[in-house]
Amino acid sequence: MVMPTVKVNGSNEEMLTAACEQFLGTSKNEIREIAQETLEGHQRAIMGNMTVEEIYKDRKKFSKAVFEVASSDLVNMWISVVSYTLKDIKDEEGYLHSLGLARTAQVKCDARIGEAEARRDSGIKEALAEQQRVAGRLLNDIEIAKAKRDLELKDAACEKEIQARKAESDLASELQYELQVKHQE
């Protein structure tokens, strides 16, 4: 559905006079019909140069092309196109409706794919975080085990040193005792 707005160009007296001469005896509705038919003719010509998909997807481009071509033609009739708005595009076979349905289905499909990819990415991130947590815990457990082992080794070395010193002390005490006993004899 096209909603054009046109007006008789009366920016100066000469133009207004020429427009009056051209449309003398013509009603407003007839002038509107002339403008409408001219616009529709240019519309059909431009439709011949664009694919249905281009017209459907890029309505602004189509509207701009019709506006520019029709404006230059209508100005010769002293009519200026104030605006040209393409509100809706329909066809009797329902092709354009099908295009819209196909596009809607594609958008929904893309959305589902996006959601699935987001869930997948989230699952991967969760798995990586869990893997890092477990690896961190294992490294921590290893460090604790190393520290315990080192402590036990130090304790064992210390105990060995204590036992050696005690043995030396016991031996020294025993020797001392024997020396005293020998001295007393």
Foldseek 3Di string as FASTA:
>chain_A
DKDWDKDQQPPDPVSVVLLCVLQPVPDPVRVVVVLVVLLVVLLVVVPVVDDPVCCLVPVVVSQVSSQVVSQVVCVVSRMGTPGMDDDDDDDPVCPSVVVVVVVVVVVVVVVVVVVVVVVVVVVVVVVVVVVVVVVVVVVVVVVVVVVVVVVVVVVVVVVVVVVVVVVVVVVVVVVVVVVVVVVVD
